[in-house]
Amino acid sequence: MHWDDLRIFLAVARDGSISGAAKRLNIQHSTVSRRIRLLETQLGTRLIERKKSGYELTPAGDELRMAAGKMELEVLEVEGALGGQEDRVAGELRVSAINNMASSVLMPIFAGFSEAYPDIRLHVQVSNKYVSLAERHADIAIRLTNTPLDTLVGTRLTNVASAVYGERRYLEGLRASGARPLWIGVECCSFHQSWTHAACPDHRHSFFVDDTLLTLAALKQGLGLAYLPC
């Protein structure tokens, strides 16, 4: 059993498809299929089953995924220790960040980093969802949260203030009619979500978004009130 075979297996397990794993690893689709079949032959058991929704791990495959994940972390630790002995910094770095930060305050930092380390291929992934650093969905995740997971090691970068916003004509209409305001259902971060639930306990939402830039666009269209960073 070779580490390269396990690395390919992990990619299939994480992407849920042969084609996704091939794209992630930049190898041929047929190579991924062949190496998975070889690994199953060596272990004498099925690791992956094809379903309508994609590829799913068998119980044996799930056990191998956990074991291979631990091996991957050990390999990364060794690579990090040895890599620190070299002057040249190279490789790939995947950063997951929320949209409004990635496209604004972080972009000058990304540009400066790329200029300082031209041999590092920087991948910026825009997402508000949970990503597994252990499974290499990303190397660094930048999120807005008051309750980071206990399993993560991180640093508080800054404090972000928020306020309630609404489109001017929408607010004028509320004052004139005395009607209850509609709240946009936000799913971009846990604290905006909890504050919205407190302001609108009956959860009377007709429009939902999971991104702050989308929230801003919805506000401009007069779809209701919402929390946004100041």
C-alpha atoms as a PDB file:
ATOM      1  CA  MET A   1       0.000   0.000   0.000  1.00  0.00           C
ATOM      2  CA  HIS A   2       1.422   3.369  -1.060  1.00  0.00           C
ATOM      3  CA  TRP A   3       0.693   6.801   0.391  1.00  0.00           C
ATOM      4  CA  ASP A   4      -0.194   8.101  -3.082  1.00  0.00           C
ATOM      5  CA  ASP A   5      -3.016   5.548  -3.268  1.00  0.00           C
ATOM      6  CA  LEU A   6      -4.331   6.670   0.112  1.00  0.00           C
ATOM      7  CA  ARG A   7      -4.065  10.308  -0.951  1.00  0.00           C
ATOM      8  CA  ILE A   8      -6.199   9.565  -4.010  1.00  0.00           C
ATOM      9  CA  PHE A   9      -8.682   7.626  -1.881  1.00  0.00           C
ATOM     10  CA  LEU A  10      -8.994  10.578   0.522  1.00  0.00           C
ATOM     11  CA  ALA A  11      -9.679  12.932  -2.379  1.00  0.00           C
ATOM     12  CA  VAL A  12     -12.511  10.690  -3.623  1.00  0.00           C
ATOM     13  CA  ALA A  13     -13.915  10.371  -0.097  1.00  0.00           C
ATOM     14  CA  ARG A  14     -13.942  14.153   0.345  1.00  0.00           C
ATOM     15  CA  ASP A  15     -15.245  15.121  -3.085  1.00  0.00           C
ATOM     16  CA  GLY A  16     -17.735  12.283  -3.398  1.00  0.00           C
ATOM     17  CA  SER A  17     -16.796  11.744  -7.037  1.00  0.00           C
ATOM     18  CA  ILE A  18     -14.003  10.356  -9.191  1.00  0.00           C
ATOM     19  CA  SER A  19     -14.017  13.407 -11.464  1.00  0.00           C
ATOM     20  CA  GLY A  20     -13.857  15.823  -8.513  1.00  0.00           C
ATOM     21  CA  ALA A  21     -10.903  13.966  -7.027  1.00  0.00           C
ATOM     22  CA  ALA A  22      -9.122  13.920 -10.396  1.00  0.00           C
ATOM     23  CA  LYS A  23      -9.607  17.674 -10.755  1.00  0.00           C
ATOM     24  CA  ARG A  24      -8.426  18.325  -7.192  1.00  0.00           C
ATOM     25  CA  LEU A  25      -5.259  16.254  -7.722  1.00  0.00           C
ATOM     26  CA  ASN A  26      -4.743  17.322 -11.349  1.00  0.00           C
ATOM     27  CA  ILE A  27      -4.573  13.750 -12.636  1.00  0.00           C
ATOM     28  CA  GLN A  28      -6.584  11.694 -15.121  1.00  0.00           C
ATOM     29  CA  HIS A  29     -10.026  10.325 -14.262  1.00  0.00           C
ATOM     30  CA  SER A  30      -8.877   6.848 -15.329  1.00  0.00           C
ATOM     31  CA  THR A  31      -5.866   7.046 -13.005  1.00  0.00           C
ATOM     32  CA  VAL A  32      -8.096   7.697 -10.004  1.00  0.00           C
ATOM     33  CA  SER A  33     -10.377   4.774 -10.877  1.00  0.00           C
ATOM     34  CA  ARG A  34      -7.442   2.422 -11.428  1.00  0.00           C
ATOM     35  CA  ARG A  35      -5.717   3.338  -8.156  1.00  0.00           C
ATOM     36  CA  ILE A  36      -8.940   2.906  -6.172  1.00  0.00           C
ATOM     37  CA  ARG A  37      -9.488  -0.551  -7.698  1.00  0.00           C
ATOM     38  CA  LEU A  38      -5.871  -1.460  -6.911  1.00  0.00           C
ATOM     39  CA  LEU A  39      -6.290  -0.343  -3.306  1.00  0.00           C
ATOM     40  CA  GLU A  40      -9.482  -2.391  -2.939  1.00  0.00           C
ATOM     41  CA  THR A  41      -7.700  -5.435  -4.376  1.00  0.00           C
ATOM     42  CA  GLN A  42      -4.789  -5.040  -1.970  1.00  0.00           C
ATOM     43  CA  LEU A  43      -7.114  -4.723   1.028  1.00  0.00           C
ATOM     44  CA  GLY A  44      -9.530  -7.397  -0.180  1.00  0.00           C
ATOM     45  CA  THR A  45     -12.648  -5.306   0.399  1.00  0.00           C
ATOM     46  CA  ARG A  46     -14.866  -2.711  -1.256  1.00  0.00           C
ATOM     47  CA  LEU A  47     -14.119   0.825  -0.143  1.00  0.00           C
ATOM     48  CA  ILE A  48     -16.484   2.871  -2.304  1.00  0.00           C
ATOM     49  CA  GLU A  49     -19.952   2.228  -3.703  1.00  0.00           C
ATOM     50  CA  ARG A  50     -21.563   4.192  -6.491  1.00  0.00           C
ATOM     51  CA  LYS A  51     -24.997   5.635  -5.663  1.00  0.00           C
ATOM     52  CA  LYS A  52     -27.366   7.890  -7.595  1.00  0.00           C
ATOM     53  CA  SER A  53     -26.184  10.826  -5.491  1.00  0.00           C
ATOM     54  CA  GLY A  54     -22.505  10.023  -6.069  1.00  0.00           C
ATOM     55  CA  TYR A  55     -19.898   7.803  -4.477  1.00  0.00           C
ATOM     56  CA  GLU A  56     -20.354   6.696  -0.869  1.00  0.00           C
ATOM     57  CA  LEU A  57     -17.904   4.999   1.452  1.00  0.00           C
ATOM     58  CA  THR A  58     -18.544   1.485   2.680  1.00  0.00           C
ATOM     59  CA  PRO A  59     -17.988   0.810   6.422  1.00  0.00           C
ATOM     60  CA  ALA A  60     -14.475  -0.385   5.540  1.00  0.00           C
ATOM     61  CA  GLY A  61     -13.949   2.734   3.449  1.00  0.00           C
ATOM     62  CA  ASP A  62     -15.017   4.961   6.327  1.00  0.00           C
ATOM     63  CA  GLU A  63     -12.531   3.256   8.649  1.00  0.00           C
ATOM     64  CA  LEU A  64      -9.782   3.710   6.074  1.00  0.00           C
ATOM     65  CA  ARG A  65     -10.746   7.377   5.648  1.00  0.00           C
ATOM     66  CA  MET A  66     -10.232   8.051   9.352  1.00  0.00           C
ATOM     67  CA  ALA A  67      -6.944   6.137   9.466  1.00  0.00           C
ATOM     68  CA  ALA A  68      -5.646   7.777   6.286  1.00  0.00           C
ATOM     69  CA  GLY A  69      -6.665  11.193   7.619  1.00  0.00           C
ATOM     70  CA  LYS A  70      -4.465  10.659  10.675  1.00  0.00           C
ATOM     71  CA  MET A  71      -1.600   9.570   8.436  1.00  0.00           C
ATOM     72  CA  GLU A  72      -2.091  12.694   6.335  1.00  0.00           C
ATOM     73  CA  LEU A  73      -1.748  14.933   9.381  1.00  0.00           C
ATOM     74  CA  GLU A  74       1.492  13.188  10.322  1.00  0.00           C
ATOM     75  CA  VAL A  75       2.822  13.586   6.777  1.00  0.00           C
ATOM     76  CA  LEU A  76       1.943  17.288   6.848  1.00  0.00           C
ATOM     77  CA  GLU A  77       3.733  17.720  10.175  1.00  0.00           C
ATOM     78  CA  VAL A  78       6.865  16.098   8.754  1.00  0.00           C
ATOM     79  CA  GLU A  79       6.671  18.215   5.596  1.00  0.00           C
ATOM     80  CA  GLY A  80       6.230  21.343   7.694  1.00  0.00           C
ATOM     81  CA  ALA A  81       9.205  20.503   9.901  1.00  0.00           C
ATOM     82  CA  LEU A  82      11.472  19.725   6.961  1.00  0.00           C
ATOM     83  CA  GLY A  83      10.153  22.592   4.893  1.00  0.00           C
ATOM     84  CA  GLY A  84      11.198  25.031   7.588  1.00  0.00           C
ATOM     85  CA  GLN A  85      14.809  24.060   6.933  1.00  0.00           C
ATOM     86  CA  GLU A  86      14.726  25.420   3.388  1.00  0.00           C
ATOM     87  CA  ASP A  87      15.081  29.034   2.344  1.00  0.00           C
ATOM     88  CA  ARG A  88      12.700  28.730  -0.607  1.00  0.00           C
ATOM     89  CA  VAL A  89       9.001  28.731   0.278  1.00  0.00           C
ATOM     90  CA  ALA A  90       6.830  27.030  -2.328  1.00  0.00           C
ATOM     91  CA  GLY A  91       3.672  24.977  -2.678  1.00  0.00           C
ATOM     92  CA  GLU A  92      -0.061  25.540  -2.465  1.00  0.00           C
ATOM     93  CA  LEU A  93      -2.037  27.471   0.134  1.00  0.00           C
ATOM     94  CA  ARG A  94      -5.843  27.338   0.318  1.00  0.00           C
ATOM     95  CA  VAL A  95      -7.565  30.152   2.183  1.00  0.00           C
ATOM     96  CA  SER A  96     -11.307  30.061   2.817  1.00  0.00           C
ATOM     97  CA  ALA A  97     -12.865  33.444   3.602  1.00  0.00           C
ATOM     98  CA  ILE A  98     -16.275  35.071   3.546  1.00  0.00           C
ATOM     99  CA  ASN A  99     -17.110  37.005   0.398  1.00  0.00           C
ATOM    100  CA  ASN A 100     -17.224  40.586   1.631  1.00  0.00           C
ATOM    101  CA  MET A 101     -13.892  40.259   3.451  1.00  0.00           C
ATOM    102  CA  ALA A 102     -12.146  38.382   0.633  1.00  0.00           C
ATOM    103  CA  SER A 103     -13.138  40.980  -1.959  1.00  0.00           C
ATOM    104  CA  SER A 104     -12.315  44.015   0.183  1.00  0.00           C
ATOM    105  CA  VAL A 105     -10.028  44.136   3.217  1.00  0.00           C
ATOM    106  CA  LEU A 106      -8.261  40.841   2.496  1.00  0.00           C
ATOM    107  CA  MET A 107      -7.511  41.385  -1.197  1.00  0.00           C
ATOM    108  CA  PRO A 108      -4.594  43.820  -0.612  1.00  0.00           C
ATOM    109  CA  ILE A 109      -3.169  41.289   1.858  1.00  0.00           C
ATOM    110  CA  PHE A 110      -3.516  38.492  -0.696  1.00  0.00           C
ATOM    111  CA  ALA A 111      -1.829  40.663  -3.327  1.00  0.00           C
ATOM    112  CA  GLY A 112       1.065  41.491  -1.007  1.00  0.00           C
ATOM    113  CA  PHE A 113       1.462  37.844  -0.040  1.00  0.00           C
ATOM    114  CA  SER A 114       1.570  36.719  -3.686  1.00  0.00           C
ATOM    115  CA  GLU A 115       4.201  39.339  -4.458  1.00  0.00           C
ATOM    116  CA  ALA A 116       6.328  38.336  -1.460  1.00  0.00           C
ATOM    117  CA  TYR A 117       6.007  34.575  -2.114  1.00  0.00           C
ATOM    118  CA  PRO A 118       5.716  34.094  -5.896  1.00  0.00           C
ATOM    119  CA  ASP A 119       6.362  30.341  -5.652  1.00  0.00           C
ATOM    120  CA  ILE A 120       3.260  29.771  -3.525  1.00  0.00           C
ATOM    121  CA  ARG A 121       0.059  29.116  -5.465  1.00  0.00           C
ATOM    122  CA  LEU A 122      -2.621  30.889  -3.455  1.00  0.00           C
ATOM    123  CA  HIS A 123      -6.183  29.580  -3.778  1.00  0.00           C
ATOM    124  CA  VAL A 124      -8.890  31.810  -2.270  1.00  0.00           C
ATOM    125  CA  GLN A 125     -12.204  30.033  -1.724  1.00  0.00           C
ATOM    126  CA  VAL A 126     -15.283  32.112  -0.909  1.00  0.00           C
ATOM    127  CA  SER A 127     -17.564  30.387   1.590  1.00  0.00           C
ATOM    128  CA  ASN A 128     -19.536  31.025   4.770  1.00  0.00           C
ATOM    129  CA  LYS A 129     -19.824  27.325   5.571  1.00  0.00           C
ATOM    130  CA  TYR A 130     -17.814  25.159   7.929  1.00  0.00           C
ATOM    131  CA  VAL A 131     -14.664  23.773   6.354  1.00  0.00           C
ATOM    132  CA  SER A 132     -12.525  20.949   7.692  1.00  0.00           C
ATOM    133  CA  LEU A 133      -8.911  22.014   8.051  1.00  0.00           C
ATOM    134  CA  ALA A 134      -7.938  18.500   9.134  1.00  0.00           C
ATOM    135  CA  GLU A 135      -9.311  17.106   5.869  1.00  0.00           C
ATOM    136  CA  ARG A 136      -7.558  19.856   3.885  1.00  0.00           C
ATOM    137  CA  HIS A 137     -10.711  21.531   2.615  1.00  0.00           C
ATOM    138  CA  ALA A 138      -8.618  24.617   3.372  1.00  0.00           C
ATOM    139  CA  ASP A 139      -5.353  25.436   5.124  1.00  0.00           C
ATOM    140  CA  ILE A 140      -6.652  28.666   6.671  1.00  0.00           C
ATOM    141  CA  ALA A 141     -10.259  29.663   7.334  1.00  0.00           C
ATOM    142  CA  ILE A 142     -11.281  33.257   8.087  1.00  0.00           C
ATOM    143  CA  ARG A 143     -14.758  33.515   9.599  1.00  0.00           C
ATOM    144  CA  LEU A 144     -16.977  35.867  11.593  1.00  0.00           C
ATOM    145  CA  THR A 145     -17.931  34.016  14.769  1.00  0.00           C
ATOM    146  CA  ASN A 146     -18.149  34.421  18.520  1.00  0.00           C
ATOM    147  CA  THR A 147     -18.101  30.665  19.078  1.00  0.00           C
ATOM    148  CA  PRO A 148     -15.262  28.954  17.180  1.00  0.00           C
ATOM    149  CA  LEU A 149     -15.075  25.187  17.441  1.00  0.00           C
ATOM    150  CA  ASP A 150     -13.009  23.805  20.311  1.00  0.00           C
ATOM    151  CA  THR A 151     -11.073  21.660  17.845  1.00  0.00           C
ATOM    152  CA  LEU A 152      -9.675  24.700  16.024  1.00  0.00           C
ATOM    153  CA  VAL A 153      -6.534  26.634  16.820  1.00  0.00           C
ATOM    154  CA  GLY A 154      -6.827  30.250  15.774  1.00  0.00           C
ATOM    155  CA  THR A 155      -6.323  33.911  16.484  1.00  0.00           C
ATOM    156  CA  ARG A 156      -8.859  36.688  16.935  1.00  0.00           C
ATOM    157  CA  LEU A 157      -8.034  39.176  14.195  1.00  0.00           C
ATOM    158  CA  THR A 158     -10.423  41.987  15.076  1.00  0.00           C
ATOM    159  CA  ASN A 159     -13.830  42.910  16.463  1.00  0.00           C
ATOM    160  CA  VAL A 160     -16.633  43.678  14.028  1.00  0.00           C
ATOM    161  CA  ALA A 161     -19.568  45.915  14.966  1.00  0.00           C
ATOM    162  CA  SER A 162     -22.982  45.400  13.377  1.00  0.00           C
ATOM    163  CA  ALA A 163     -26.176  47.428  13.076  1.00  0.00           C
ATOM    164  CA  VAL A 164     -29.697  47.104  11.670  1.00  0.00           C
ATOM    165  CA  TYR A 165     -30.131  48.477   8.151  1.00  0.00           C
ATOM    166  CA  GLY A 166     -33.064  49.100   5.855  1.00  0.00           C
ATOM    167  CA  GLU A 167     -33.666  50.878   2.557  1.00  0.00           C
ATOM    168  CA  ARG A 168     -34.751  54.514   3.071  1.00  0.00           C
ATOM    169  CA  ARG A 169     -38.094  54.294   1.252  1.00  0.00           C
ATOM    170  CA  TYR A 170     -38.900  51.009   2.972  1.00  0.00           C
ATOM    171  CA  LEU A 171     -38.307  52.627   6.375  1.00  0.00           C
ATOM    172  CA  GLU A 172     -40.425  55.647   5.440  1.00  0.00           C
ATOM    173  CA  GLY A 173     -43.243  53.291   4.438  1.00  0.00           C
ATOM    174  CA  LEU A 174     -43.036  51.522   7.808  1.00  0.00           C
ATOM    175  CA  ARG A 175     -43.273  54.818   9.674  1.00  0.00           C
ATOM    176  CA  ALA A 176     -46.265  55.916   7.621  1.00  0.00           C
ATOM    177  CA  SER A 177     -48.193  52.643   7.903  1.00  0.00           C
ATOM    178  CA  GLY A 178     -47.132  51.488  11.357  1.00  0.00           C
ATOM    179  CA  ALA A 179     -46.782  47.967   9.941  1.00  0.00           C
ATOM    180  CA  ARG A 180     -44.456  45.387  11.422  1.00  0.00           C
ATOM    181  CA  PRO A 181     -41.157  45.210   9.557  1.00  0.00           C
ATOM    182  CA  LEU A 182     -40.132  42.182   7.577  1.00  0.00           C
ATOM    183  CA  TRP A 183     -36.744  40.746   8.400  1.00  0.00           C
ATOM    184  CA  ILE A 184     -34.454  39.171   5.844  1.00  0.00           C
ATOM    185  CA  GLY A 185     -33.432  35.690   6.953  1.00  0.00           C
ATOM    186  CA  VAL A 186     -29.646  35.762   7.206  1.00  0.00           C
ATOM    187  CA  GLU A 187     -27.549  32.611   7.395  1.00  0.00           C
ATOM    188  CA  CYS A 188     -24.106  34.130   6.902  1.00  0.00           C
ATOM    189  CA  CYS A 189     -22.906  33.868  10.508  1.00  0.00           C
ATOM    190  CA  SER A 190     -24.171  32.561  13.827  1.00  0.00           C
ATOM    191  CA  PHE A 191     -24.462  35.878  15.645  1.00  0.00           C
ATOM    192  CA  HIS A 192     -26.340  37.717  12.860  1.00  0.00           C
ATOM    193  CA  GLN A 193     -28.640  34.706  12.711  1.00  0.00           C
ATOM    194  CA  SER A 194     -29.272  34.698  16.476  1.00  0.00           C
ATOM    195  CA  TRP A 195     -29.844  38.475  16.573  1.00  0.00           C
ATOM    196  CA  THR A 196     -32.321  38.194  13.710  1.00  0.00           C
ATOM    197  CA  HIS A 197     -34.169  35.401  15.533  1.00  0.00           C
ATOM    198  CA  ALA A 198     -34.367  37.607  18.637  1.00  0.00           C
ATOM    199  CA  ALA A 199     -35.737  40.539  16.622  1.00  0.00           C
ATOM    200  CA  CYS A 200     -38.139  38.319  14.683  1.00  0.00           C
ATOM    201  CA  PRO A 201     -39.014  35.419  17.035  1.00  0.00           C
ATOM    202  CA  ASP A 202     -41.792  34.109  14.790  1.00  0.00           C
ATOM    203  CA  HIS A 203     -39.198  33.639  12.010  1.00  0.00           C
ATOM    204  CA  ARG A 204     -41.514  35.379   9.549  1.00  0.00           C
ATOM    205  CA  HIS A 205     -39.068  35.507   6.652  1.00  0.00           C
ATOM    206  CA  SER A 206     -39.918  35.384   2.970  1.00  0.00           C
ATOM    207  CA  PHE A 207     -36.342  35.823   1.758  1.00  0.00           C
ATOM    208  CA  PHE A 208     -33.125  34.173   2.948  1.00  0.00           C
ATOM    209  CA  VAL A 209     -29.463  34.841   2.124  1.00  0.00           C
ATOM    210  CA  ASP A 210     -26.170  33.340   3.290  1.00  0.00           C
ATOM    211  CA  ASP A 211     -23.804  36.121   2.262  1.00  0.00           C
ATOM    212  CA  THR A 212     -23.393  39.709   3.466  1.00  0.00           C
ATOM    213  CA  LEU A 213     -23.095  41.137  -0.058  1.00  0.00           C
ATOM    214  CA  LEU A 214     -26.377  39.437  -0.943  1.00  0.00           C
ATOM    215  CA  THR A 215     -27.876  40.882   2.232  1.00  0.00           C
ATOM    216  CA  LEU A 216     -26.835  44.364   1.115  1.00  0.00           C
ATOM    217  CA  ALA A 217     -28.347  43.811  -2.337  1.00  0.00           C
ATOM    218  CA  ALA A 218     -31.605  42.575  -0.771  1.00  0.00           C
ATOM    219  CA  LEU A 219     -31.751  45.618   1.511  1.00  0.00           C
ATOM    220  CA  LYS A 220     -31.363  47.954  -1.457  1.00  0.00           C
ATOM    221  CA  GLN A 221     -34.391  46.279  -3.040  1.00  0.00           C
ATOM    222  CA  GLY A 222     -36.492  47.012   0.041  1.00  0.00           C
ATOM    223  CA  LEU A 223     -36.981  43.376   1.030  1.00  0.00           C
ATOM    224  CA  GLY A 224     -36.864  44.132   4.755  1.00  0.00           C
ATOM    225  CA  LEU A 225     -34.463  44.793   7.611  1.00  0.00           C
ATOM    226  CA  ALA A 226     -31.218  42.982   8.338  1.00  0.00           C
ATOM    227  CA  TYR A 227     -28.041  43.128  10.364  1.00  0.00           C
ATOM    228  CA  LEU A 228     -24.848  44.075   8.545  1.00  0.00           C
ATOM    229  CA  PRO A 229     -21.319  44.868   9.704  1.00  0.00           C
ATOM    230  CA  CYS A 230     -20.839  48.615  10.136  1.00  0.00           C
END
